[in-house]
Amino acid sequence: MDCVTLQEIVKQHKLWFTSKGEEGKRADLSGADLKEANLRGANLIGAKLLRADFERADMEEADLREALVEEANFKYTNLRGANLKGLDMQGVDLQGADLFRANLQKTMLKYTNLKFIKIDRMAMGQISPDIVKAFGSTWFVLDFGHLIIRSVELPPEFHQSGISLLTYFGTILRNRFPSSRAKIRIEQCDTVVTMSIDPLEEDREQIEDLLDEYGCVITGRKSPKEFISDKALMMDLRHEIRYAVVRIEHQKELTVYNSNSNVNREIKIEDFFAIMEKVFQKSNSACGKIGPAS
């Protein structure tokens, strides 16, 4: 299949998905020869990919949730950061595929050929132990090495607030260690948000301690006044935490308004802070009760 035709099919499929079927056309690439195709970042949610040949294709950060991939060939395919959450890949050939940072939550991999794949430990942890035992000895496990990684699954109602507080840590880090050359990256894959910090080796321990302390403030175990001496930054941090709470309250109101009925699952502020505690805290702390900082 030529590149122009493929890109048009992907474009129409995205339109079909975003318009909920009112516009565009659902992609049907069943049986297509897509060897070495460029599908980087493609929205293929719900696409028909039966028996398609994606050998050595570039599908980095593509979204394949709910796609039909029976008998498809993904040998040596670049699936780095791809969203494969809940995808039925039973019996599919993934030999040599690159699954580094792929979302494999609830992905069905029974009878799948997983020999010689590239994978990181986070993605590996989402795979059934039986499958790891069967194929793990052939895998190339790529580790994050010296990176500081914090990952969390945020429900939609907590998404914006969680990302905002994760991102604000960069401001705290620059204030506390102005000469630090650490790089912070926030990545999103469906509902999973990951923060990775790339520090110099000599800075790693103090940055981890700062992150832990920041978590104490976010979850209300320590006051911003105890954490920051800069009064302007202290006020700004308080504002960020309060704004996070306001966002959640607003989302709660929107959910009630849009559903025109009672919310199926009650949205609680304390649930948000309990989730954020797991992100920031490397160990339990007895600093106080969890809740919004004052």
Protein backbone atom coordinates (compact mmCIF):
# COMPACT_ATOMS: atom_id res chain seq x y z
CA MET A 1 0.00 0.00 0.00
CA ASP A 2 1.40 3.40 -0.95
CA CYS A 3 2.03 6.05 1.70
CA VAL A 4 -0.54 8.57 0.41
CA THR A 5 -3.36 6.01 0.44
CA LEU A 6 -2.40 4.79 3.91
CA GLN A 7 -2.29 8.28 5.38
CA GLU A 8 -5.70 9.08 3.90
CA ILE A 9 -7.18 5.91 5.45
CA VAL A 10 -5.69 6.87 8.82
CA LYS A 11 -7.00 10.43 8.47
CA GLN A 12 -10.53 9.23 7.67
CA HIS A 13 -10.40 6.75 10.54
CA LYS A 14 -9.44 9.44 13.03
CA LEU A 15 -12.36 11.55 11.77
CA TRP A 16 -14.65 8.52 12.13
CA PHE A 17 -13.47 7.98 15.70
CA THR A 18 -13.65 11.60 16.86
CA SER A 19 -17.10 12.12 15.27
CA LYS A 20 -18.35 8.84 16.74
CA GLY A 21 -19.05 7.44 13.29
CA GLU A 22 -20.90 10.44 11.88
CA GLU A 23 -18.04 11.43 9.56
CA GLY A 24 -15.02 9.75 8.00
CA LYS A 25 -14.69 6.01 7.62
CA ARG A 26 -13.56 3.20 9.89
CA ALA A 27 -10.18 1.90 8.77
CA ASP A 28 -10.16 -1.61 7.33
CA LEU A 29 -6.58 -2.67 6.69
CA SER A 30 -7.30 -6.37 6.90
CA GLY A 31 -4.75 -8.37 4.96
CA ALA A 32 -2.81 -5.24 3.93
CA ASP A 33 0.93 -5.35 3.30
CA LEU A 34 2.21 -2.63 5.65
CA LYS A 35 5.80 -3.76 6.03
CA GLU A 36 7.98 -0.83 7.17
CA ALA A 37 4.99 1.54 6.99
CA ASN A 38 5.04 4.82 8.89
CA LEU A 39 2.17 4.72 11.39
CA ARG A 40 3.90 6.65 14.14
CA GLY A 41 1.32 8.17 16.51
CA ALA A 42 -1.59 6.89 14.41
CA ASN A 43 -5.06 6.69 15.93
CA LEU A 44 -6.16 3.16 15.06
CA ILE A 45 -8.67 2.71 17.88
CA GLY A 46 -11.23 0.16 16.77
CA ALA A 47 -9.62 -0.33 13.32
CA LYS A 48 -9.87 -3.63 11.45
CA LEU A 49 -6.33 -4.97 11.16
CA LEU A 50 -7.03 -8.68 10.69
CA ARG A 51 -4.12 -10.55 9.08
CA ALA A 52 -2.35 -7.25 8.29
CA ASP A 53 1.44 -7.42 7.94
CA PHE A 54 3.14 -4.73 10.05
CA GLU A 55 6.60 -6.32 10.00
CA ARG A 56 9.23 -3.66 10.84
CA ALA A 57 6.60 -0.90 10.64
CA ASP A 58 7.05 2.25 12.75
CA MET A 59 4.04 2.34 15.10
CA GLU A 60 5.65 4.26 17.94
CA GLU A 61 2.99 5.82 20.22
CA ALA A 62 0.18 4.50 17.99
CA ASP A 63 -3.16 3.86 19.71
CA LEU A 64 -4.52 0.39 18.93
CA ARG A 65 -7.12 0.02 21.68
CA GLU A 66 -10.12 -2.08 20.63
CA ALA A 67 -8.57 -2.79 17.22
CA LEU A 68 -9.10 -6.20 15.62
CA VAL A 69 -5.65 -7.72 15.14
CA GLU A 70 -6.33 -11.44 14.78
CA GLU A 71 -3.50 -13.19 12.88
CA ALA A 72 -1.70 -9.87 12.31
CA ASN A 73 2.08 -9.86 11.99
CA PHE A 74 4.00 -7.44 14.24
CA LYS A 75 7.44 -9.04 13.88
CA TYR A 76 10.18 -6.52 14.67
CA THR A 77 7.61 -3.71 14.72
CA ASN A 78 8.41 -0.49 16.59
CA LEU A 79 5.63 -0.30 19.19
CA ARG A 80 7.48 1.97 21.64
CA GLY A 81 4.98 3.86 23.77
CA ALA A 82 2.07 2.33 21.84
CA ASN A 83 -1.27 2.03 23.62
CA LEU A 84 -2.23 -1.64 23.56
CA LYS A 85 -4.43 -1.48 26.65
CA GLY A 86 -7.02 -4.26 26.72
CA LEU A 87 -6.12 -5.35 23.16
CA ASP A 88 -6.77 -8.98 22.26
CA MET A 89 -3.41 -10.03 20.78
CA GLN A 90 -3.82 -13.74 21.43
CA GLY A 91 -2.00 -15.72 18.76
CA VAL A 92 -0.42 -12.62 17.19
CA ASP A 93 3.26 -12.69 16.15
CA LEU A 94 5.22 -10.09 18.15
CA GLN A 95 8.65 -11.67 17.74
CA GLY A 96 11.39 -9.04 18.06
CA ALA A 97 8.90 -6.19 18.53
CA ASP A 98 9.98 -3.12 20.51
CA LEU A 99 7.51 -2.71 23.41
CA PHE A 100 9.55 -0.22 25.43
CA ARG A 101 7.11 1.92 27.48
CA ALA A 102 4.11 0.37 25.72
CA ASN A 103 0.83 0.29 27.66
CA LEU A 104 0.14 -3.42 28.16
CA GLN A 105 -2.51 -3.14 30.87
CA LYS A 106 -4.97 -6.00 30.48
CA THR A 107 -3.54 -6.82 27.03
CA MET A 108 -4.41 -10.42 26.16
CA LEU A 109 -1.19 -12.19 25.13
CA LYS A 110 -2.04 -15.88 25.46
CA TYR A 111 -0.53 -17.95 22.60
CA THR A 112 1.28 -14.81 21.37
CA ASN A 113 4.83 -15.17 20.03
CA LEU A 114 6.84 -12.91 22.33
CA LYS A 115 10.35 -14.16 21.59
CA PHE A 116 13.19 -11.63 21.48
CA ILE A 117 11.05 -8.58 22.24
CA LYS A 118 12.51 -5.37 23.67
CA ILE A 119 10.73 -4.25 26.82
CA ASP A 120 11.22 -2.17 29.95
CA ARG A 121 10.54 -3.36 33.48
CA MET A 122 7.43 -1.19 33.85
CA ALA A 123 5.75 -2.71 30.78
CA MET A 124 7.05 -6.13 31.80
CA GLY A 125 5.22 -5.80 35.11
CA GLN A 126 1.91 -5.60 33.23
CA ILE A 127 2.37 -9.05 31.66
CA SER A 128 1.21 -12.31 33.23
CA PRO A 129 3.99 -14.03 35.23
CA ASP A 130 3.33 -17.25 33.30
CA ILE A 131 4.08 -15.49 30.01
CA VAL A 132 7.18 -13.84 31.46
CA LYS A 133 8.35 -17.26 32.63
CA ALA A 134 7.77 -18.76 29.18
CA PHE A 135 9.50 -16.07 27.10
CA GLY A 136 11.44 -13.86 29.51
CA SER A 137 14.78 -15.58 28.96
CA THR A 138 14.74 -14.39 25.32
CA TRP A 139 13.85 -10.76 26.06
CA PHE A 140 16.05 -7.69 25.85
CA VAL A 141 15.05 -5.85 29.01
CA LEU A 142 15.78 -2.15 28.63
CA ASP A 143 15.98 -0.48 32.01
CA PHE A 144 15.59 3.18 32.88
CA GLY A 145 18.92 2.89 34.70
CA HIS A 146 19.59 6.03 36.68
CA LEU A 147 16.22 7.66 35.89
CA ILE A 148 13.80 8.43 38.72
CA ILE A 149 10.43 7.10 37.57
CA ARG A 150 7.03 7.77 39.14
CA SER A 151 3.96 6.41 37.37
CA VAL A 152 0.28 6.48 38.26
CA GLU A 153 -3.08 5.65 36.71
CA LEU A 154 -5.31 8.70 37.10
CA PRO A 155 -9.08 8.42 36.64
CA PRO A 156 -10.45 11.07 34.22
CA GLU A 157 -11.78 13.25 37.03
CA PHE A 158 -8.30 13.49 38.58
CA HIS A 159 -6.29 13.70 35.38
CA GLN A 160 -5.73 17.45 35.03
CA SER A 161 -5.09 17.99 38.72
CA GLY A 162 -2.59 15.15 38.90
CA ILE A 163 -0.63 16.27 35.84
CA SER A 164 -0.56 19.85 37.15
CA LEU A 165 0.98 18.84 40.48
CA LEU A 166 3.48 16.50 38.83
CA THR A 167 4.55 19.26 36.46
CA TYR A 168 4.89 21.82 39.27
CA PHE A 169 7.65 19.73 40.82
CA GLY A 170 9.92 21.19 38.14
CA THR A 171 9.41 24.65 39.64
CA ILE A 172 10.21 23.33 43.12
CA LEU A 173 13.34 21.57 41.84
CA ARG A 174 14.68 24.70 40.12
CA ASN A 175 14.06 26.76 43.25
CA ARG A 176 15.75 24.31 45.62
CA PHE A 177 18.66 23.41 43.32
CA PRO A 178 19.17 26.28 40.83
CA SER A 179 22.30 24.72 39.35
CA SER A 180 20.74 21.31 38.82
CA ARG A 181 20.75 20.05 35.23
CA ALA A 182 18.12 17.39 35.88
CA LYS A 183 15.57 16.96 33.09
CA ILE A 184 11.92 16.25 33.88
CA ARG A 185 9.56 14.60 31.42
CA ILE A 186 5.82 14.00 31.81
CA GLU A 187 4.27 11.37 29.53
CA GLN A 188 0.66 10.31 29.13
CA CYS A 189 -0.60 7.00 27.80
CA ASP A 190 -4.36 6.73 28.13
CA THR A 191 -5.03 7.15 31.88
CA VAL A 192 -1.45 6.38 32.90
CA VAL A 193 0.80 9.36 33.61
CA THR A 194 4.54 8.88 34.07
CA MET A 195 7.08 11.39 35.35
CA SER A 196 10.71 10.60 34.61
CA ILE A 197 13.59 12.62 36.03
CA ASP A 198 17.04 12.37 34.49
CA PRO A 199 19.48 13.60 37.19
CA LEU A 200 23.24 13.67 37.43
CA GLU A 201 24.29 10.69 39.52
CA GLU A 202 25.56 12.92 42.35
CA ASP A 203 22.16 14.70 42.49
CA ARG A 204 19.96 11.62 42.45
CA GLU A 205 19.60 11.10 46.22
CA GLN A 206 18.81 14.72 47.05
CA ILE A 207 16.26 14.93 44.23
CA GLU A 208 14.55 11.74 45.46
CA ASP A 209 14.45 13.23 48.98
CA LEU A 210 12.97 16.46 47.60
CA LEU A 211 10.35 14.50 45.67
CA ASP A 212 9.44 12.59 48.81
CA GLU A 213 9.18 15.83 50.79
CA TYR A 214 7.09 17.43 48.04
CA GLY A 215 4.74 14.46 48.30
CA CYS A 216 4.34 15.14 52.04
CA VAL A 217 3.23 18.69 51.21
CA ILE A 218 0.87 17.67 48.40
CA THR A 219 -0.85 15.08 50.59
CA GLY A 220 -1.09 17.41 53.58
CA ARG A 221 1.50 15.65 55.74
CA LYS A 222 3.62 18.77 55.84
CA SER A 223 2.66 22.42 55.41
CA PRO A 224 4.08 24.51 52.52
CA LYS A 225 5.50 26.86 55.17
CA GLU A 226 7.66 24.04 56.55
CA PHE A 227 8.78 23.11 53.06
CA ILE A 228 9.61 26.43 51.39
CA SER A 229 11.31 29.53 52.77
CA ASP A 230 10.52 31.64 49.69
CA LYS A 231 7.18 33.27 50.60
CA ALA A 232 6.14 33.96 47.01
CA LEU A 233 6.79 30.35 45.98
CA MET A 234 5.04 29.08 49.11
CA MET A 235 1.91 31.05 48.17
CA ASP A 236 2.16 29.81 44.60
CA LEU A 237 2.36 26.18 45.76
CA ARG A 238 -0.67 26.64 48.00
CA HIS A 239 -2.51 28.05 44.99
CA GLU A 240 -1.54 25.02 42.85
CA ILE A 241 -2.87 22.60 45.46
CA ARG A 242 -6.09 24.55 45.95
CA TYR A 243 -6.55 24.83 42.19
CA ALA A 244 -6.16 21.06 41.90
CA VAL A 245 -9.03 20.66 44.35
CA VAL A 246 -11.13 23.22 42.45
CA ARG A 247 -10.57 21.31 39.19
CA ILE A 248 -11.84 18.11 40.79
CA GLU A 249 -14.90 19.84 42.22
CA HIS A 250 -15.58 21.34 38.79
CA GLN A 251 -15.23 17.92 37.16
CA LYS A 252 -17.66 16.52 39.71
CA GLU A 253 -20.22 19.19 38.80
CA LEU A 254 -19.73 18.52 35.07
CA THR A 255 -20.22 14.79 35.59
CA VAL A 256 -23.52 15.38 37.36
CA TYR A 257 -24.64 17.89 34.72
CA ASN A 258 -23.74 15.69 31.75
CA SER A 259 -25.23 12.52 33.18
CA ASN A 260 -28.48 14.18 34.28
CA SER A 261 -28.53 11.67 37.08
CA ASN A 262 -26.61 10.60 40.13
CA VAL A 263 -22.91 9.94 39.56
CA ASN A 264 -22.20 6.23 39.33
CA ARG A 265 -19.02 6.56 41.34
CA GLU A 266 -18.71 9.30 43.91
CA ILE A 267 -15.77 11.62 43.30
CA LYS A 268 -13.90 12.20 46.54
CA ILE A 269 -11.04 14.64 47.08
CA GLU A 270 -9.43 12.28 49.59
CA ASP A 271 -9.24 9.58 46.90
CA PHE A 272 -7.19 11.93 44.77
CA PHE A 273 -4.69 12.63 47.54
CA ALA A 274 -4.45 8.92 48.34
CA ILE A 275 -3.47 8.27 44.71
CA MET A 276 -0.95 11.12 44.71
CA GLU A 277 0.60 9.77 47.91
CA LYS A 278 1.49 6.56 46.09
CA VAL A 279 3.20 8.57 43.35
CA PHE A 280 5.40 10.74 45.53
CA GLN A 281 6.09 8.71 48.65
CA LYS A 282 8.87 6.16 48.41
CA SER A 283 7.95 4.96 51.89
CA ASN A 284 5.19 5.53 54.39
CA SER A 285 5.52 8.64 56.46
CA ALA A 286 4.01 9.50 59.80
CA CYS A 287 3.91 13.24 59.09
CA GLY A 288 0.20 13.54 59.62
CA LYS A 289 -3.22 12.97 58.12
CA ILE A 290 -3.62 12.86 54.35
CA GLY A 291 -5.56 15.73 52.84
CA PRO A 292 -5.17 19.04 51.01
CA ALA A 293 -2.36 21.21 52.33
CA SER A 294 -3.37 24.40 54.06
